[in-house]
Protein backbone atom coordinates (compact mmCIF):
# COMPACT_ATOMS: atom_id res chain seq x y z
CA GLN A 1 124.48 31.35 35.59
CA GLY A 2 124.50 32.05 31.87
CA GLN A 3 125.36 28.52 30.78
CA LEU A 4 122.93 26.23 29.05
CA PRO A 5 121.77 23.85 31.75
CA VAL A 6 122.28 20.79 29.60
CA SER A 7 125.98 20.28 30.18
CA GLY A 8 125.43 17.69 32.87
CA CYS A 9 122.36 15.95 31.52
CA ILE A 10 121.63 12.27 31.86
CA PRO A 11 123.93 10.36 29.51
CA GLY A 12 122.09 7.05 29.66
CA ARG A 13 118.55 5.77 29.40
CA LEU A 14 115.71 6.43 31.80
CA GLN A 15 114.02 3.61 33.61
CA ASP A 16 110.30 3.14 33.03
CA GLY A 17 107.83 5.50 34.59
CA PHE A 18 109.43 8.93 34.74
CA LEU A 19 107.65 12.28 34.73
CA LEU A 20 109.39 14.92 32.62
CA ILE A 21 108.65 18.51 33.52
CA ASP A 22 109.90 21.80 32.16
CA PRO A 23 111.46 24.56 34.32
CA TYR A 24 108.19 26.51 34.55
CA THR A 25 106.30 23.45 35.80
CA ALA A 26 109.12 22.71 38.25
CA GLU A 27 108.79 26.20 39.71
CA ILE A 28 104.99 25.99 39.97
CA LEU A 29 105.13 22.58 41.65
CA ASN A 30 107.76 23.84 44.08
CA ALA A 31 105.73 26.98 44.85
CA THR A 32 102.77 24.90 46.02
CA GLY A 33 104.76 23.86 49.07
CA HIS A 34 102.93 20.52 49.09
CA LYS A 35 105.12 17.48 49.59
CA SER A 36 102.47 15.24 48.02
CA ILE A 37 102.72 17.05 44.66
CA PRO A 38 105.56 15.89 42.38
CA GLN A 39 108.80 17.80 42.91
CA LEU A 40 112.02 17.88 40.93
CA HIS A 41 113.93 16.22 43.76
CA TRP A 42 111.68 13.13 43.59
CA ALA A 43 113.41 10.00 42.29
CA LYS A 44 111.12 9.57 39.27
CA VAL A 45 110.92 13.22 38.19
CA ARG A 46 113.30 14.70 35.63
CA LEU A 47 113.73 18.09 34.00
CA TYR A 48 113.48 18.55 30.26
CA ILE A 49 114.41 21.97 28.98
CA PRO A 50 112.96 22.62 25.52
CA TYR A 51 115.35 24.34 23.15
CA ARG A 52 113.53 27.70 23.23
CA GLN A 53 113.69 27.72 27.01
CA GLN A 54 117.39 26.82 26.93
CA VAL A 55 118.04 29.93 24.84
CA LYS A 56 115.97 32.16 27.13
CA ILE A 57 117.63 30.76 30.23
CA LYS A 58 121.07 31.39 28.80
CA ASP A 59 120.31 34.85 27.41
CA ARG A 60 118.55 36.09 30.53
CA GLU A 61 120.62 34.16 33.08
CA LEU A 62 117.36 33.08 34.70
CA PHE A 63 118.65 30.47 37.12
CA LYS A 64 121.71 28.59 38.17
CA GLU A 65 122.24 25.19 36.67
CA PRO A 66 120.20 22.54 38.49
CA ASP A 67 121.55 19.12 39.33
CA GLY A 68 122.68 17.75 35.96
CA LYS A 69 121.59 14.24 36.94
CA LYS A 70 117.99 15.47 36.87
CA ILE A 71 118.14 16.88 33.32
CA VAL A 72 117.24 14.82 30.25
CA CYS A 73 119.18 15.93 27.16
CA GLN A 74 117.36 16.96 24.02
CA ASP A 75 119.41 14.52 21.94
CA LYS A 76 118.62 11.63 24.33
CA LEU A 77 114.87 12.24 24.38
CA PRO A 78 114.01 10.28 21.21
CA TYR A 79 115.70 7.14 22.52
CA GLN A 80 113.74 7.25 25.77
CA SER A 81 110.32 8.28 24.51
CA ASN A 82 108.58 5.11 25.70
CA LYS A 83 109.86 5.61 29.24
CA PHE A 84 108.19 8.82 30.35
CA VAL A 85 105.16 11.03 30.62
CA MET A 86 105.72 14.65 29.66
CA ILE A 87 103.61 17.70 30.33
CA PHE A 88 102.76 19.00 26.87
CA ARG A 89 102.71 22.69 26.05
CA TYR A 90 101.75 24.41 22.83
CA SER A 91 105.41 25.37 22.30
CA ASN A 92 106.41 21.68 22.36
CA MET A 93 105.11 21.39 18.81
CA TRP A 94 108.26 23.19 17.60
CA ASP A 95 110.77 21.59 19.96
CA LYS A 96 113.39 19.47 18.18
CA GLY A 97 113.66 16.92 20.97
CA VAL A 98 109.91 16.45 21.27
CA ASN A 99 109.42 16.19 17.51
CA LYS A 100 112.01 13.42 17.30
CA SER A 101 110.23 11.54 20.11
CA LEU A 102 106.73 11.11 18.74
CA GLU A 103 106.76 7.42 17.87
CA LYS A 104 104.07 5.75 19.97
CA ALA A 105 103.15 9.10 21.55
CA VAL A 106 99.65 9.58 22.96
CA LEU A 107 98.18 12.85 24.20
CA SER A 108 96.29 12.36 27.46
CA TYR A 109 94.00 15.37 27.52
CA SER A 110 92.74 16.24 30.98
CA MET A 111 90.77 19.44 30.43
CA TRP A 112 87.18 19.88 29.31
CA GLU A 113 86.77 18.21 25.91
CA GLY A 114 84.89 21.22 24.53
CA TYR A 115 88.13 23.21 24.39
CA LEU A 116 89.33 20.85 21.65
CA LYS A 117 86.55 22.07 19.38
CA ASP A 118 87.54 25.71 19.79
CA ASP A 119 89.35 27.54 16.97
CA SER A 120 92.24 28.29 19.34
CA THR A 121 93.19 24.59 19.43
CA LYS A 122 93.07 24.02 15.67
CA ARG A 123 96.86 24.21 15.31
CA VAL A 124 97.33 21.62 18.05
CA ARG A 125 94.66 19.33 16.58
CA ASP A 126 96.32 19.59 13.14
CA TRP A 127 99.74 18.86 14.64
CA LEU A 128 98.39 15.79 16.45
CA LYS A 129 96.74 14.57 13.24
CA ASN A 130 99.84 15.18 11.09
CA ASN A 131 101.97 13.25 13.58
CA ASN A 132 99.45 10.41 14.04
CA ILE A 133 99.16 11.08 17.74
CA PRO A 134 95.92 9.77 19.24
CA ARG A 135 94.14 11.59 22.04
CA LYS A 136 92.86 10.00 25.19
CA ILE A 137 90.37 12.14 27.05
CA ILE A 138 90.93 11.81 30.79
CA HIS A 139 88.97 14.70 32.28
CA THR A 140 90.28 15.69 35.68
CA SER A 141 88.50 18.34 37.62
CA GLY A 142 90.25 21.57 38.37
CA HIS A 143 87.28 22.65 40.42
CA ALA A 144 86.99 22.89 44.17
CA SER A 145 84.91 20.45 46.18
CA VAL A 146 81.61 21.51 47.77
CA VAL A 147 83.30 21.38 51.20
CA ASP A 148 86.06 23.74 50.05
CA LEU A 149 83.59 26.03 48.30
CA LYS A 150 81.56 26.25 51.52
CA LYS A 151 84.66 27.22 53.51
CA PHE A 152 85.51 29.85 50.90
CA ALA A 153 81.96 31.28 50.85
CA GLU A 154 81.84 31.39 54.65
CA ALA A 155 85.17 33.20 54.79
CA LEU A 156 84.04 35.79 52.22
CA ASN A 157 80.47 36.07 53.54
CA PRO A 158 79.19 37.57 50.26
CA LYS A 159 76.00 39.59 49.98
CA ARG A 160 75.17 37.46 46.96
CA LEU A 161 76.77 34.38 45.44
CA VAL A 162 76.36 33.81 41.70
CA PRO A 163 77.11 30.30 40.39
CA ILE A 164 79.16 30.34 37.17
CA HIS A 165 80.88 27.70 35.05
CA THR A 166 78.69 24.90 36.36
CA PHE A 167 76.30 22.35 34.89
CA GLU A 168 74.01 22.40 37.95
CA PRO A 169 73.62 25.99 39.22
CA GLU A 170 70.23 25.19 40.78
CA LYS A 171 71.94 23.01 43.43
CA TYR A 172 73.90 25.96 44.87
CA SER A 173 70.98 27.11 47.02
CA GLU A 174 71.09 23.71 48.76
CA HIS A 175 74.60 24.48 50.02
CA PHE A 176 75.04 28.26 50.12
CA ASN A 177 73.31 31.37 51.40
CA ASN A 178 72.44 34.44 49.31
CA VAL A 179 72.52 32.59 45.99
CA GLU A 180 71.50 34.68 42.99
CA TYR A 181 71.10 33.09 39.58
CA GLN A 182 72.14 34.85 36.37
CA GLN A 183 71.97 33.67 32.76
CA ASP A 184 75.22 32.87 30.93
CA GLY A 185 76.10 35.54 28.42
CA GLN A 186 73.86 38.17 30.01
CA TRP A 187 75.15 41.39 31.56
CA TRP A 188 74.07 42.16 35.11
CA ASP A 189 74.94 44.79 37.72
CA VAL A 190 77.26 43.97 40.57
């Protein structure tokens, strides 16, 4: 503990097709307990520790050094940028390794496209534009399936079920009991 976990990082080049994750993502993936979700011990998964996280890890002694063979060094990142997919975070815009690795970068955006029009993403949009990074919109749903929603509703057995964050609220009564419709942006009593 207390040492920067980059002392044993990968000295050479990555092969094609690696997923780079940061320590936070590694912990979240591990916490799922699902073997089908990428894990740090997988052959094609590596750990990249952004500089700011390196400092926090060292200062706070947050975890023991992971297997050095799984860590990609900040100074090696630019020479391997065409070999991996990396989970992008807002803080990556200031990371030295990331900023040296932007040639041929593409942002695959998998959330609702409307978020990109919000004022809160202006800094990211400007950074992408200034670095000539194109966006590819690949919307993936973070929403539960109807089958899972039914199981959840049956387990809760609510007195009323109010559809929110949906494009088709009128279809809820086809699948659920006690459906009550409310207008977006309107206050109502619970």
